[in-house]
Amino acid sequence: MKIDDIARLAGVSKAAVSLAFNNKPGVSEQTREHILNIAQAHGYKPRTIKTGREVQKSNAIIRFVACKNTDIITEHYDSLPFFNELIHHITDQVKQHGNTLVISSIDVQDLQYELQALEKEQPSAGILLLGINLTPPMIEAIQSIHANVVILDTAFEHVDANFVSINNSLGGYQAGKHLVKLGHSHIGYVKSSTRIPNFIKREEGFRTALAEHHLTIDEALTFDLQPMLVMPQEHLQQSISLLHERPTAIFCENDYMAISTIKSLQNIGLRVPEDISVMGFDNIFEAKVISPELTTVHVKKDMLAKTAVNRIMDNLDSVQKNAAHIYVNTEIVERRSCMPIAASNQF
């Protein structure tokens, strides 16, 4: 299908078709609508169209799928602050493109089968996959179902797919540099008992920052916690109480664990940050309401959403789908849960 064909079907000149596609004066609004309707009906996708009505993009179904497991993305994942905020931004971005977001959650072990069924029942223009717990074989299987898939919040360097992820390594590195800058050298580490690529990258970045200052994390100061709980942890309280020398600061792999750590320390009579500084990762809403307010690594969830949705929309325009790995950088948000080591020693 060429411009000549559109002109012939519409009963107008090629010049009129070009004016309509470029939203330029010279044709009536009625003629412009007539030309655009014919182009849409015959699947013609003009590259130069500049009207607010994007024939190839508007009114498309974009499917958001959260891959559930028992540890991170649970049945009620959308009520958790991080995921709730991310979904809010994704919904807003999809609406801005004039499209409709359909949200599903699927047990990770049933992902391929159920996604095939969903696409058969209601085909989508693209799939946004929240894939914290995905594996490379799973991703390859999903790519066989749909040509336009963007995977959120995880990435595998050796997999040829579209990934939009937090720069977890940078965030961990920034956290380590921040605590060292505050004068801390005897630093504890709270890690998730469930190891996923995001947490592993955060740990790598954190250890790299410490190594640059000839520091390491003592295994005696490494504590495992469940990653999504925000309540005091008895085993953490016991472990801290039994230490001969407590850390002056603790970095936690996410804000849930940081909040849990603060509550656990307070339960055993330790003050944050006067006795121990605590730092998190993600900058969820609760980070601002816990007492003391949590110093954390800010994850730009709005940028994650915008980048992922734009990637989906760009692929709608492309005959050849070119995959890309895109990382959204992080930054430190300083609040009251951390203080310089010299200041804490004064208490």
C-alpha atoms as a PDB file:
ATOM      1  CA  MET A   1       0.000   0.000   0.000  1.00  0.00           C
ATOM      2  CA  LYS A   2       1.439   3.350  -1.115  1.00  0.00           C
ATOM      3  CA  ILE A   3       0.343   6.994  -1.007  1.00  0.00           C
ATOM      4  CA  ASP A   4      -0.845   6.600  -4.638  1.00  0.00           C
ATOM      5  CA  ASP A   5      -3.188   3.821  -3.497  1.00  0.00           C
ATOM      6  CA  ILE A   6      -4.558   5.903  -0.618  1.00  0.00           C
ATOM      7  CA  ALA A   7      -5.121   8.833  -2.990  1.00  0.00           C
ATOM      8  CA  ARG A   8      -6.932   6.584  -5.495  1.00  0.00           C
ATOM      9  CA  LEU A   9      -9.175   5.025  -2.821  1.00  0.00           C
ATOM     10  CA  ALA A  10      -9.959   8.423  -1.313  1.00  0.00           C
ATOM     11  CA  GLY A  11     -10.572  10.063  -4.677  1.00  0.00           C
ATOM     12  CA  VAL A  12      -8.058  12.835  -4.001  1.00  0.00           C
ATOM     13  CA  SER A  13      -4.612  13.859  -5.201  1.00  0.00           C
ATOM     14  CA  LYS A  14      -1.324  12.643  -3.728  1.00  0.00           C
ATOM     15  CA  ALA A  15      -0.719  16.196  -2.538  1.00  0.00           C
ATOM     16  CA  ALA A  16      -3.973  16.117  -0.562  1.00  0.00           C
ATOM     17  CA  VAL A  17      -2.928  12.841   1.085  1.00  0.00           C
ATOM     18  CA  SER A  18       0.444  14.351   2.045  1.00  0.00           C
ATOM     19  CA  LEU A  19      -1.252  17.446   3.509  1.00  0.00           C
ATOM     20  CA  ALA A  20      -3.607  15.263   5.547  1.00  0.00           C
ATOM     21  CA  PHE A  21      -0.803  13.052   6.882  1.00  0.00           C
ATOM     22  CA  ASN A  22       1.274  16.081   7.877  1.00  0.00           C
ATOM     23  CA  ASN A  23      -1.673  17.971   9.396  1.00  0.00           C
ATOM     24  CA  LYS A  24      -1.073  20.929   7.078  1.00  0.00           C
ATOM     25  CA  PRO A  25      -3.637  23.406   5.712  1.00  0.00           C
ATOM     26  CA  GLY A  26      -4.972  22.905   2.198  1.00  0.00           C
ATOM     27  CA  VAL A  27      -7.594  20.225   2.785  1.00  0.00           C
ATOM     28  CA  SER A  28     -10.832  20.422   4.737  1.00  0.00           C
ATOM     29  CA  GLU A  29     -11.182  18.646   8.071  1.00  0.00           C
ATOM     30  CA  GLN A  30     -13.779  16.364   6.492  1.00  0.00           C
ATOM     31  CA  THR A  31     -11.348  15.370   3.710  1.00  0.00           C
ATOM     32  CA  ARG A  32      -8.534  14.902   6.196  1.00  0.00           C
ATOM     33  CA  GLU A  33     -10.667  12.536   8.298  1.00  0.00           C
ATOM     34  CA  HIS A  34     -11.741  10.675   5.162  1.00  0.00           C
ATOM     35  CA  ILE A  35      -8.110  10.111   4.120  1.00  0.00           C
ATOM     36  CA  LEU A  36      -7.002   9.024   7.602  1.00  0.00           C
ATOM     37  CA  ASN A  37      -9.928   6.606   7.904  1.00  0.00           C
ATOM     38  CA  ILE A  38      -9.012   4.959   4.603  1.00  0.00           C
ATOM     39  CA  ALA A  39      -5.350   4.704   5.665  1.00  0.00           C
ATOM     40  CA  GLN A  40      -6.339   3.068   8.949  1.00  0.00           C
ATOM     41  CA  ALA A  41      -8.800   0.684   7.323  1.00  0.00           C
ATOM     42  CA  HIS A  42      -6.116  -0.586   4.933  1.00  0.00           C
ATOM     43  CA  GLY A  43      -3.373  -0.843   7.562  1.00  0.00           C
ATOM     44  CA  TYR A  44      -1.308   1.963   6.081  1.00  0.00           C
ATOM     45  CA  LYS A  45       1.052   3.519   8.638  1.00  0.00           C
ATOM     46  CA  PRO A  46       2.259   6.930   7.446  1.00  0.00           C
ATOM     47  CA  ARG A  47       5.673   7.777   8.891  1.00  0.00           C
ATOM     48  CA  THR A  48       5.209  11.520   8.679  1.00  0.00           C
ATOM     49  CA  ILE A  49       1.804  11.857  10.326  1.00  0.00           C
ATOM     50  CA  LYS A  50       1.779  14.770  12.786  1.00  0.00           C
ATOM     51  CA  THR A  51      -1.806  14.918  13.922  1.00  0.00           C
ATOM     52  CA  GLY A  52      -2.742  14.094  17.487  1.00  0.00           C
ATOM     53  CA  ARG A  53      -4.545  11.065  16.103  1.00  0.00           C
ATOM     54  CA  GLU A  54      -1.805   8.477  15.645  1.00  0.00           C
ATOM     55  CA  VAL A  55      -3.408   5.852  13.453  1.00  0.00           C
ATOM     56  CA  GLN A  56      -0.993   3.091  14.302  1.00  0.00           C
ATOM     57  CA  LYS A  57      -0.866   3.727  18.028  1.00  0.00           C
ATOM     58  CA  SER A  58      -4.204   4.904  19.382  1.00  0.00           C
ATOM     59  CA  ASN A  59      -6.781   2.662  21.032  1.00  0.00           C
ATOM     60  CA  ALA A  60      -4.339  -0.221  21.359  1.00  0.00           C
ATOM     61  CA  ILE A  61      -4.445  -2.752  24.190  1.00  0.00           C
ATOM     62  CA  ILE A  62      -1.240  -2.827  26.240  1.00  0.00           C
ATOM     63  CA  ARG A  63      -1.022  -5.778  28.606  1.00  0.00           C
ATOM     64  CA  PHE A  64       0.763  -5.491  31.952  1.00  0.00           C
ATOM     65  CA  VAL A  65       1.593  -8.861  33.498  1.00  0.00           C
ATOM     66  CA  ALA A  66       3.018  -9.365  36.971  1.00  0.00           C
ATOM     67  CA  CYS A  67       4.710 -12.728  37.413  1.00  0.00           C
ATOM     68  CA  LYS A  68       3.728 -13.900  40.894  1.00  0.00           C
ATOM     69  CA  ASN A  69       5.784 -15.989  43.277  1.00  0.00           C
ATOM     70  CA  THR A  70       5.589 -16.577  47.004  1.00  0.00           C
ATOM     71  CA  ASP A  71       8.483 -14.345  48.080  1.00  0.00           C
ATOM     72  CA  ILE A  72       8.477 -11.041  46.164  1.00  0.00           C
ATOM     73  CA  ILE A  73       5.438 -10.568  43.908  1.00  0.00           C
ATOM     74  CA  THR A  74       2.594 -12.046  45.919  1.00  0.00           C
ATOM     75  CA  GLU A  75      -1.133 -12.337  45.229  1.00  0.00           C
ATOM     76  CA  HIS A  76      -1.669  -8.822  46.597  1.00  0.00           C
ATOM     77  CA  TYR A  77       1.494  -7.327  45.081  1.00  0.00           C
ATOM     78  CA  ASP A  78      -0.431  -4.284  43.789  1.00  0.00           C
ATOM     79  CA  SER A  79      -1.080  -3.141  47.369  1.00  0.00           C
ATOM     80  CA  LEU A  80       2.655  -2.943  48.092  1.00  0.00           C
ATOM     81  CA  PRO A  81       4.018   0.608  47.781  1.00  0.00           C
ATOM     82  CA  PHE A  82       6.722   0.002  45.161  1.00  0.00           C
ATOM     83  CA  PHE A  83       4.497  -1.932  42.759  1.00  0.00           C
ATOM     84  CA  ASN A  84       1.465   0.257  43.413  1.00  0.00           C
ATOM     85  CA  GLU A  85       3.391   3.386  42.459  1.00  0.00           C
ATOM     86  CA  LEU A  86       4.931   1.717  39.405  1.00  0.00           C
ATOM     87  CA  ILE A  87       1.533   0.553  38.108  1.00  0.00           C
ATOM     88  CA  HIS A  88       0.103   4.031  38.674  1.00  0.00           C
ATOM     89  CA  HIS A  89       2.816   5.564  36.473  1.00  0.00           C
ATOM     90  CA  ILE A  90       2.434   2.884  33.796  1.00  0.00           C
ATOM     91  CA  THR A  91      -1.331   3.418  33.650  1.00  0.00           C
ATOM     92  CA  ASP A  92      -0.811   7.158  33.271  1.00  0.00           C
ATOM     93  CA  GLN A  93       1.754   6.723  30.497  1.00  0.00           C
ATOM     94  CA  VAL A  94      -0.421   4.296  28.530  1.00  0.00           C
ATOM     95  CA  LYS A  95      -3.376   6.699  28.757  1.00  0.00           C
ATOM     96  CA  GLN A  96      -1.219   9.549  27.496  1.00  0.00           C
ATOM     97  CA  HIS A  97      -0.639   7.537  24.325  1.00  0.00           C
ATOM     98  CA  GLY A  98      -4.402   7.083  23.921  1.00  0.00           C
ATOM     99  CA  ASN A  99      -4.301   3.385  24.728  1.00  0.00           C
ATOM    100  CA  THR A 100      -5.806   1.010  27.283  1.00  0.00           C
ATOM    101  CA  LEU A 101      -3.860  -0.873  29.945  1.00  0.00           C
ATOM    102  CA  VAL A 102      -5.049  -4.372  30.853  1.00  0.00           C
ATOM    103  CA  ILE A 103      -3.532  -5.684  34.092  1.00  0.00           C
ATOM    104  CA  SER A 104      -3.045  -9.379  34.857  1.00  0.00           C
ATOM    105  CA  SER A 105      -1.109 -11.379  37.426  1.00  0.00           C
ATOM    106  CA  ILE A 106       0.026 -14.908  36.638  1.00  0.00           C
ATOM    107  CA  ASP A 107       1.845 -17.521  38.707  1.00  0.00           C
ATOM    108  CA  VAL A 108       5.309 -17.691  37.235  1.00  0.00           C
ATOM    109  CA  GLN A 109       5.141 -21.455  36.667  1.00  0.00           C
ATOM    110  CA  ASP A 110       1.984 -21.018  34.548  1.00  0.00           C
ATOM    111  CA  LEU A 111       3.170 -17.928  32.713  1.00  0.00           C
ATOM    112  CA  GLN A 112       3.563 -19.254  29.168  1.00  0.00           C
ATOM    113  CA  TYR A 113       0.292 -21.199  29.092  1.00  0.00           C
ATOM    114  CA  GLU A 114      -1.849 -18.477  30.675  1.00  0.00           C
ATOM    115  CA  LEU A 115      -0.327 -15.683  28.625  1.00  0.00           C
ATOM    116  CA  GLN A 116      -1.046 -17.589  25.416  1.00  0.00           C
ATOM    117  CA  ALA A 117      -4.664 -17.964  26.538  1.00  0.00           C
ATOM    118  CA  LEU A 118      -4.970 -14.251  27.355  1.00  0.00           C
ATOM    119  CA  GLU A 119      -3.535 -13.221  24.000  1.00  0.00           C
ATOM    120  CA  LYS A 120      -5.846 -15.597  22.160  1.00  0.00           C
ATOM    121  CA  GLU A 121      -8.869 -14.177  23.974  1.00  0.00           C
ATOM    122  CA  GLN A 122      -7.819 -10.514  23.686  1.00  0.00           C
ATOM    123  CA  PRO A 123      -4.773  -9.811  21.478  1.00  0.00           C
ATOM    124  CA  SER A 124      -2.589  -6.936  22.658  1.00  0.00           C
ATOM    125  CA  ALA A 125      -0.280  -4.541  20.864  1.00  0.00           C
ATOM    126  CA  GLY A 126       2.447  -5.119  23.422  1.00  0.00           C
ATOM    127  CA  ILE A 127       3.235  -6.778  26.731  1.00  0.00           C
ATOM    128  CA  LEU A 128       4.878  -5.158  29.750  1.00  0.00           C
ATOM    129  CA  LEU A 129       6.207  -7.980  31.894  1.00  0.00           C
ATOM    130  CA  LEU A 130       7.100  -7.335  35.524  1.00  0.00           C
ATOM    131  CA  GLY A 131       9.760  -9.982  35.657  1.00  0.00           C
ATOM    132  CA  ILE A 132      11.659  -9.851  38.935  1.00  0.00           C
ATOM    133  CA  ASN A 133      11.695 -13.655  39.194  1.00  0.00           C
ATOM    134  CA  LEU A 134      11.952 -14.572  35.502  1.00  0.00           C
ATOM    135  CA  THR A 135      14.683 -16.756  34.045  1.00  0.00           C
ATOM    136  CA  PRO A 136      16.227 -16.480  30.553  1.00  0.00           C
ATOM    137  CA  PRO A 137      14.366 -19.592  29.245  1.00  0.00           C
ATOM    138  CA  MET A 138      11.066 -18.104  30.429  1.00  0.00           C
ATOM    139  CA  ILE A 139      11.819 -14.854  28.607  1.00  0.00           C
ATOM    140  CA  GLU A 140      12.614 -16.686  25.383  1.00  0.00           C
ATOM    141  CA  ALA A 141       9.336 -18.592  25.679  1.00  0.00           C
ATOM    142  CA  ILE A 142       7.375 -15.348  26.096  1.00  0.00           C
ATOM    143  CA  GLN A 143       9.082 -13.861  23.040  1.00  0.00           C
ATOM    144  CA  SER A 144       7.684 -16.747  21.003  1.00  0.00           C
ATOM    145  CA  ILE A 145       4.175 -15.671  22.041  1.00  0.00           C
ATOM    146  CA  HIS A 146       4.453 -11.959  21.234  1.00  0.00           C
ATOM    147  CA  ALA A 147       6.884  -9.881  19.170  1.00  0.00           C
ATOM    148  CA  ASN A 148       6.538  -6.739  21.296  1.00  0.00           C
ATOM    149  CA  VAL A 149       7.564  -7.556  24.867  1.00  0.00           C
ATOM    150  CA  VAL A 150       9.313  -5.240  27.322  1.00  0.00           C
ATOM    151  CA  ILE A 151      10.551  -6.747  30.587  1.00  0.00           C
ATOM    152  CA  LEU A 152      10.498  -4.478  33.613  1.00  0.00           C
ATOM    153  CA  ASP A 153      12.689  -4.404  36.692  1.00  0.00           C
ATOM    154  CA  THR A 154      15.141  -7.121  35.746  1.00  0.00           C
ATOM    155  CA  ALA A 155      17.746  -7.706  33.053  1.00  0.00           C
ATOM    156  CA  PHE A 156      20.046 -10.435  31.773  1.00  0.00           C
ATOM    157  CA  GLU A 157      22.996  -9.112  29.786  1.00  0.00           C
ATOM    158  CA  HIS A 158      23.238 -12.247  27.630  1.00  0.00           C
ATOM    159  CA  VAL A 159      19.548 -12.324  26.613  1.00  0.00           C
ATOM    160  CA  ASP A 160      18.463 -10.583  23.392  1.00  0.00           C
ATOM    161  CA  ALA A 161      15.284  -8.930  24.669  1.00  0.00           C
ATOM    162  CA  ASN A 162      13.901  -5.531  25.651  1.00  0.00           C
ATOM    163  CA  PHE A 163      14.726  -4.783  29.286  1.00  0.00           C
ATOM    164  CA  VAL A 164      13.983  -1.626  31.241  1.00  0.00           C
ATOM    165  CA  SER A 165      15.516  -1.951  34.677  1.00  0.00           C
ATOM    166  CA  ILE A 166      16.802  -0.077  37.684  1.00  0.00           C
ATOM    167  CA  ASN A 167      20.554   0.443  37.641  1.00  0.00           C
ATOM    168  CA  ASN A 168      20.843  -1.692  40.763  1.00  0.00           C
ATOM    169  CA  SER A 169      24.624  -1.852  40.701  1.00  0.00           C
ATOM    170  CA  LEU A 170      24.861   1.938  40.633  1.00  0.00           C
ATOM    171  CA  GLY A 171      22.347   2.228  43.477  1.00  0.00           C
ATOM    172  CA  GLY A 172      24.302  -0.163  45.675  1.00  0.00           C
ATOM    173  CA  TYR A 173      27.508   1.675  44.830  1.00  0.00           C
ATOM    174  CA  GLN A 174      25.954   5.039  45.706  1.00  0.00           C
ATOM    175  CA  ALA A 175      24.746   3.635  49.037  1.00  0.00           C
ATOM    176  CA  GLY A 176      28.221   2.366  49.915  1.00  0.00           C
ATOM    177  CA  LYS A 177      29.845   5.666  48.972  1.00  0.00           C
ATOM    178  CA  HIS A 178      27.302   7.582  51.035  1.00  0.00           C
ATOM    179  CA  LEU A 179      27.926   5.607  54.228  1.00  0.00           C
ATOM    180  CA  VAL A 180      31.693   5.834  53.786  1.00  0.00           C
ATOM    181  CA  LYS A 181      31.371   9.587  53.207  1.00  0.00           C
ATOM    182  CA  LEU A 182      29.593   9.806  56.563  1.00  0.00           C
ATOM    183  CA  GLY A 183      32.657   8.206  58.143  1.00  0.00           C
ATOM    184  CA  HIS A 184      31.316   4.667  58.630  1.00  0.00           C
ATOM    185  CA  SER A 185      33.752   1.792  58.244  1.00  0.00           C
ATOM    186  CA  HIS A 186      32.209  -0.900  60.470  1.00  0.00           C
ATOM    187  CA  ILE A 187      29.136  -1.487  58.318  1.00  0.00           C
ATOM    188  CA  GLY A 188      26.471  -4.178  58.534  1.00  0.00           C
ATOM    189  CA  TYR A 189      24.555  -5.621  55.591  1.00  0.00           C
ATOM    190  CA  VAL A 190      20.929  -6.821  55.587  1.00  0.00           C
ATOM    191  CA  LYS A 191      20.264  -9.023  52.585  1.00  0.00           C
ATOM    192  CA  SER A 192      17.145 -10.682  51.252  1.00  0.00           C
ATOM    193  CA  SER A 193      16.769 -14.362  52.060  1.00  0.00           C
ATOM    194  CA  THR A 194      15.406 -14.657  48.493  1.00  0.00           C
ATOM    195  CA  ARG A 195      18.203 -13.912  46.020  1.00  0.00           C
ATOM    196  CA  ILE A 196      17.075 -12.292  42.769  1.00  0.00           C
ATOM    197  CA  PRO A 197      19.235 -10.469  40.184  1.00  0.00           C
ATOM    198  CA  ASN A 198      18.249  -7.029  41.531  1.00  0.00           C
ATOM    199  CA  PHE A 199      19.500  -7.785  45.032  1.00  0.00           C
ATOM    200  CA  ILE A 200      22.642  -9.479  43.756  1.00  0.00           C
ATOM    201  CA  LYS A 201      23.515  -6.396  41.678  1.00  0.00           C
ATOM    202  CA  ARG A 202      22.883  -4.106  44.656  1.00  0.00           C
ATOM    203  CA  GLU A 203      25.250  -6.163  46.767  1.00  0.00           C
ATOM    204  CA  GLU A 204      27.918  -6.128  44.047  1.00  0.00           C
ATOM    205  CA  GLY A 205      27.718  -2.347  43.748  1.00  0.00           C
ATOM    206  CA  PHE A 206      27.825  -1.860  47.512  1.00  0.00           C
ATOM    207  CA  ARG A 207      30.850  -4.112  47.930  1.00  0.00           C
ATOM    208  CA  THR A 208      32.626  -2.317  45.064  1.00  0.00           C
ATOM    209  CA  ALA A 209      32.171   1.042  46.785  1.00  0.00           C
ATOM    210  CA  LEU A 210      33.547  -0.311  50.049  1.00  0.00           C
ATOM    211  CA  ALA A 211      36.478  -2.008  48.304  1.00  0.00           C
ATOM    212  CA  GLU A 212      37.546   1.334  46.828  1.00  0.00           C
ATOM    213  CA  HIS A 213      38.139   2.431  50.432  1.00  0.00           C
ATOM    214  CA  HIS A 214      39.775  -0.883  51.404  1.00  0.00           C
ATOM    215  CA  LEU A 215      36.695  -1.934  53.372  1.00  0.00           C
ATOM    216  CA  THR A 216      34.750  -5.194  53.390  1.00  0.00           C
ATOM    217  CA  ILE A 217      31.570  -6.502  54.969  1.00  0.00           C
ATOM    218  CA  ASP A 218      32.222  -8.752  57.947  1.00  0.00           C
ATOM    219  CA  GLU A 219      30.203 -11.979  57.626  1.00  0.00           C
ATOM    220  CA  ALA A 220      29.294 -11.600  61.297  1.00  0.00           C
ATOM    221  CA  LEU A 221      27.556  -8.350  60.327  1.00  0.00           C
ATOM    222  CA  THR A 222      25.553  -9.875  57.464  1.00  0.00           C
ATOM    223  CA  PHE A 223      21.928 -10.665  58.263  1.00  0.00           C
ATOM    224  CA  ASP A 224      19.223 -12.381  56.196  1.00  0.00           C
ATOM    225  CA  LEU A 225      15.647 -11.087  56.272  1.00  0.00           C
ATOM    226  CA  GLN A 226      12.453 -11.818  54.400  1.00  0.00           C
ATOM    227  CA  PRO A 227      12.344  -9.108  51.723  1.00  0.00           C
ATOM    228  CA  MET A 228       8.741  -7.911  51.944  1.00  0.00           C
ATOM    229  CA  LEU A 229       8.025  -7.695  55.669  1.00  0.00           C
ATOM    230  CA  VAL A 230       7.908  -4.418  57.603  1.00  0.00           C
ATOM    231  CA  MET A 231       7.776  -5.758  61.140  1.00  0.00           C
ATOM    232  CA  PRO A 232      10.416  -6.461  63.807  1.00  0.00           C
ATOM    233  CA  GLN A 233      12.388  -9.663  63.214  1.00  0.00           C
ATOM    234  CA  GLU A 234      13.184 -11.726  66.316  1.00  0.00           C
ATOM    235  CA  HIS A 235      16.258 -13.415  64.843  1.00  0.00           C
ATOM    236  CA  LEU A 236      17.715 -10.041  63.788  1.00  0.00           C
ATOM    237  CA  GLN A 237      17.173  -8.667  67.290  1.00  0.00           C
ATOM    238  CA  GLN A 238      18.951 -11.672  68.793  1.00  0.00           C
ATOM    239  CA  SER A 239      21.840 -11.468  66.321  1.00  0.00           C
ATOM    240  CA  ILE A 240      22.435  -7.760  67.005  1.00  0.00           C
ATOM    241  CA  SER A 241      22.140  -8.250  70.772  1.00  0.00           C
ATOM    242  CA  LEU A 242      24.816 -10.971  70.757  1.00  0.00           C
ATOM    243  CA  LEU A 243      27.414  -8.915  68.874  1.00  0.00           C
ATOM    244  CA  HIS A 244      30.553  -7.909  70.780  1.00  0.00           C
ATOM    245  CA  GLU A 245      30.932  -4.890  68.505  1.00  0.00           C
ATOM    246  CA  ARG A 246      27.870  -3.513  66.771  1.00  0.00           C
ATOM    247  CA  PRO A 247      28.079  -1.923  63.328  1.00  0.00           C
ATOM    248  CA  THR A 248      27.806   1.862  63.212  1.00  0.00           C
ATOM    249  CA  ALA A 249      25.628   1.633  60.087  1.00  0.00           C
ATOM    250  CA  ILE A 250      23.547  -0.989  58.266  1.00  0.00           C
ATOM    251  CA  PHE A 251      22.637  -1.019  54.581  1.00  0.00           C
ATOM    252  CA  CYS A 252      19.481  -2.951  53.623  1.00  0.00           C
ATOM    253  CA  GLU A 253      18.730  -4.232  50.122  1.00  0.00           C
ATOM    254  CA  ASN A 254      15.272  -2.665  50.083  1.00  0.00           C
ATOM    255  CA  ASP A 255      13.165  -0.280  52.153  1.00  0.00           C
ATOM    256  CA  TYR A 256      10.927  -3.026  53.550  1.00  0.00           C
ATOM    257  CA  MET A 257      13.933  -4.659  55.172  1.00  0.00           C
ATOM    258  CA  ALA A 258      15.261  -1.270  56.300  1.00  0.00           C
ATOM    259  CA  ILE A 259      11.981  -0.450  58.054  1.00  0.00           C
ATOM    260  CA  SER A 260      11.982  -3.914  59.626  1.00  0.00           C
ATOM    261  CA  THR A 261      15.557  -3.322  60.775  1.00  0.00           C
ATOM    262  CA  ILE A 262      14.710   0.047  62.353  1.00  0.00           C
ATOM    263  CA  LYS A 263      11.809  -1.504  64.272  1.00  0.00           C
ATOM    264  CA  SER A 264      13.979  -4.435  65.382  1.00  0.00           C
ATOM    265  CA  LEU A 265      16.734  -2.130  66.661  1.00  0.00           C
ATOM    266  CA  GLN A 266      14.228   0.028  68.522  1.00  0.00           C
ATOM    267  CA  ASN A 267      12.771  -3.104  70.166  1.00  0.00           C
ATOM    268  CA  ILE A 268      16.149  -3.875  71.750  1.00  0.00           C
ATOM    269  CA  GLY A 269      16.708  -0.303  72.929  1.00  0.00           C
ATOM    270  CA  LEU A 270      19.012   0.904  70.156  1.00  0.00           C
ATOM    271  CA  ARG A 271      18.474   4.353  68.671  1.00  0.00           C
ATOM    272  CA  VAL A 272      18.507   5.103  64.953  1.00  0.00           C
ATOM    273  CA  PRO A 273      20.671   6.874  63.910  1.00  0.00           C
ATOM    274  CA  GLU A 274      22.416   7.764  67.196  1.00  0.00           C
ATOM    275  CA  ASP A 275      23.505   4.161  67.874  1.00  0.00           C
ATOM    276  CA  ILE A 276      23.228   2.679  64.386  1.00  0.00           C
ATOM    277  CA  SER A 277      22.484   4.413  61.085  1.00  0.00           C
ATOM    278  CA  VAL A 278      20.144   2.526  58.734  1.00  0.00           C
ATOM    279  CA  MET A 279      19.889   2.948  54.960  1.00  0.00           C
ATOM    280  CA  GLY A 280      17.436   1.390  52.475  1.00  0.00           C
ATOM    281  CA  PHE A 281      16.804   1.102  48.752  1.00  0.00           C
ATOM    282  CA  ASP A 282      13.697   1.965  46.617  1.00  0.00           C
ATOM    283  CA  ASN A 283      12.305   5.117  48.292  1.00  0.00           C
ATOM    284  CA  ILE A 284       8.795   3.782  48.876  1.00  0.00           C
ATOM    285  CA  PHE A 285       6.132   5.958  50.517  1.00  0.00           C
ATOM    286  CA  GLU A 286       6.691   4.404  53.956  1.00  0.00           C
ATOM    287  CA  ALA A 287      10.291   5.618  53.886  1.00  0.00           C
ATOM    288  CA  LYS A 288       8.947   9.111  54.582  1.00  0.00           C
ATOM    289  CA  VAL A 289       6.599   8.141  57.425  1.00  0.00           C
ATOM    290  CA  ILE A 290       8.767   5.742  59.450  1.00  0.00           C
ATOM    291  CA  SER A 291      10.446   7.354  62.467  1.00  0.00           C
ATOM    292  CA  PRO A 292      13.137   8.329  61.844  1.00  0.00           C
ATOM    293  CA  GLU A 293      12.545   9.025  58.150  1.00  0.00           C
ATOM    294  CA  LEU A 294      14.619   6.668  56.042  1.00  0.00           C
ATOM    295  CA  THR A 295      17.716   7.593  54.079  1.00  0.00           C
ATOM    296  CA  THR A 296      17.470   5.513  50.919  1.00  0.00           C
ATOM    297  CA  VAL A 297      18.345   5.011  47.271  1.00  0.00           C
ATOM    298  CA  HIS A 298      15.683   6.627  45.122  1.00  0.00           C
ATOM    299  CA  VAL A 299      14.334   4.458  42.297  1.00  0.00           C
ATOM    300  CA  LYS A 300      12.723   6.651  39.632  1.00  0.00           C
ATOM    301  CA  LYS A 301       9.569   4.635  39.152  1.00  0.00           C
ATOM    302  CA  ASP A 302       8.029   7.301  36.928  1.00  0.00           C
ATOM    303  CA  MET A 303      11.049   7.100  34.622  1.00  0.00           C
ATOM    304  CA  LEU A 304      10.900   3.297  34.602  1.00  0.00           C
ATOM    305  CA  ALA A 305       7.263   3.459  33.517  1.00  0.00           C
ATOM    306  CA  LYS A 306       7.771   6.155  30.890  1.00  0.00           C
ATOM    307  CA  THR A 307      10.787   4.413  29.367  1.00  0.00           C
ATOM    308  CA  ALA A 308       9.064   1.023  29.216  1.00  0.00           C
ATOM    309  CA  VAL A 309       5.843   2.353  27.672  1.00  0.00           C
ATOM    310  CA  ASN A 310       7.773   4.447  25.142  1.00  0.00           C
ATOM    311  CA  ARG A 311       9.712   1.329  24.187  1.00  0.00           C
ATOM    312  CA  ILE A 312       6.441  -0.540  23.555  1.00  0.00           C
ATOM    313  CA  MET A 313       5.104   2.331  21.450  1.00  0.00           C
ATOM    314  CA  ASP A 314       8.332   2.701  19.453  1.00  0.00           C
ATOM    315  CA  ASN A 315       8.151  -0.970  18.552  1.00  0.00           C
ATOM    316  CA  LEU A 316       4.673  -0.463  17.109  1.00  0.00           C
ATOM    317  CA  ASP A 317       6.239   1.829  14.514  1.00  0.00           C
ATOM    318  CA  SER A 318       9.113  -0.477  13.605  1.00  0.00           C
ATOM    319  CA  VAL A 319       8.974  -3.220  11.023  1.00  0.00           C
ATOM    320  CA  GLN A 320      12.156  -4.660  12.511  1.00  0.00           C
ATOM    321  CA  LYS A 321      12.120  -4.952  16.307  1.00  0.00           C
ATOM    322  CA  ASN A 322      15.497  -3.992  17.752  1.00  0.00           C
ATOM    323  CA  ALA A 323      15.939  -5.053  21.361  1.00  0.00           C
ATOM    324  CA  ALA A 324      17.688  -2.825  23.895  1.00  0.00           C
ATOM    325  CA  HIS A 325      18.793  -2.999  27.509  1.00  0.00           C
ATOM    326  CA  ILE A 326      17.923   0.295  29.234  1.00  0.00           C
ATOM    327  CA  TYR A 327      18.955   1.098  32.788  1.00  0.00           C
ATOM    328  CA  VAL A 328      17.391   3.914  34.814  1.00  0.00           C
ATOM    329  CA  ASN A 329      19.897   5.471  37.192  1.00  0.00           C
ATOM    330  CA  THR A 330      19.323   6.032  40.892  1.00  0.00           C
ATOM    331  CA  GLU A 331      20.148   8.755  43.407  1.00  0.00           C
ATOM    332  CA  ILE A 332      20.516   9.114  47.158  1.00  0.00           C
ATOM    333  CA  VAL A 333      17.731  10.646  49.252  1.00  0.00           C
ATOM    334  CA  GLU A 334      19.125  11.845  52.578  1.00  0.00           C
ATOM    335  CA  ARG A 335      16.776  11.784  55.558  1.00  0.00           C
ATOM    336  CA  ARG A 336      17.179  11.292  59.306  1.00  0.00           C
ATOM    337  CA  SER A 337      18.027   7.583  59.646  1.00  0.00           C
ATOM    338  CA  CYS A 338      21.720   8.155  58.879  1.00  0.00           C
ATOM    339  CA  MET A 339      24.204  10.507  60.460  1.00  0.00           C
ATOM    340  CA  PRO A 340      27.979  11.075  60.341  1.00  0.00           C
ATOM    341  CA  ILE A 341      29.983   8.790  62.584  1.00  0.00           C
ATOM    342  CA  ALA A 342      31.539  11.724  64.468  1.00  0.00           C
ATOM    343  CA  ALA A 343      28.116  13.124  65.288  1.00  0.00           C
ATOM    344  CA  SER A 344      26.792   9.758  66.489  1.00  0.00           C
ATOM    345  CA  ASN A 345      29.775   9.311  68.789  1.00  0.00           C
ATOM    346  CA  GLN A 346      28.736  12.452  70.659  1.00  0.00           C
ATOM    347  CA  PHE A 347      25.578  10.795  72.007  1.00  0.00           C
END
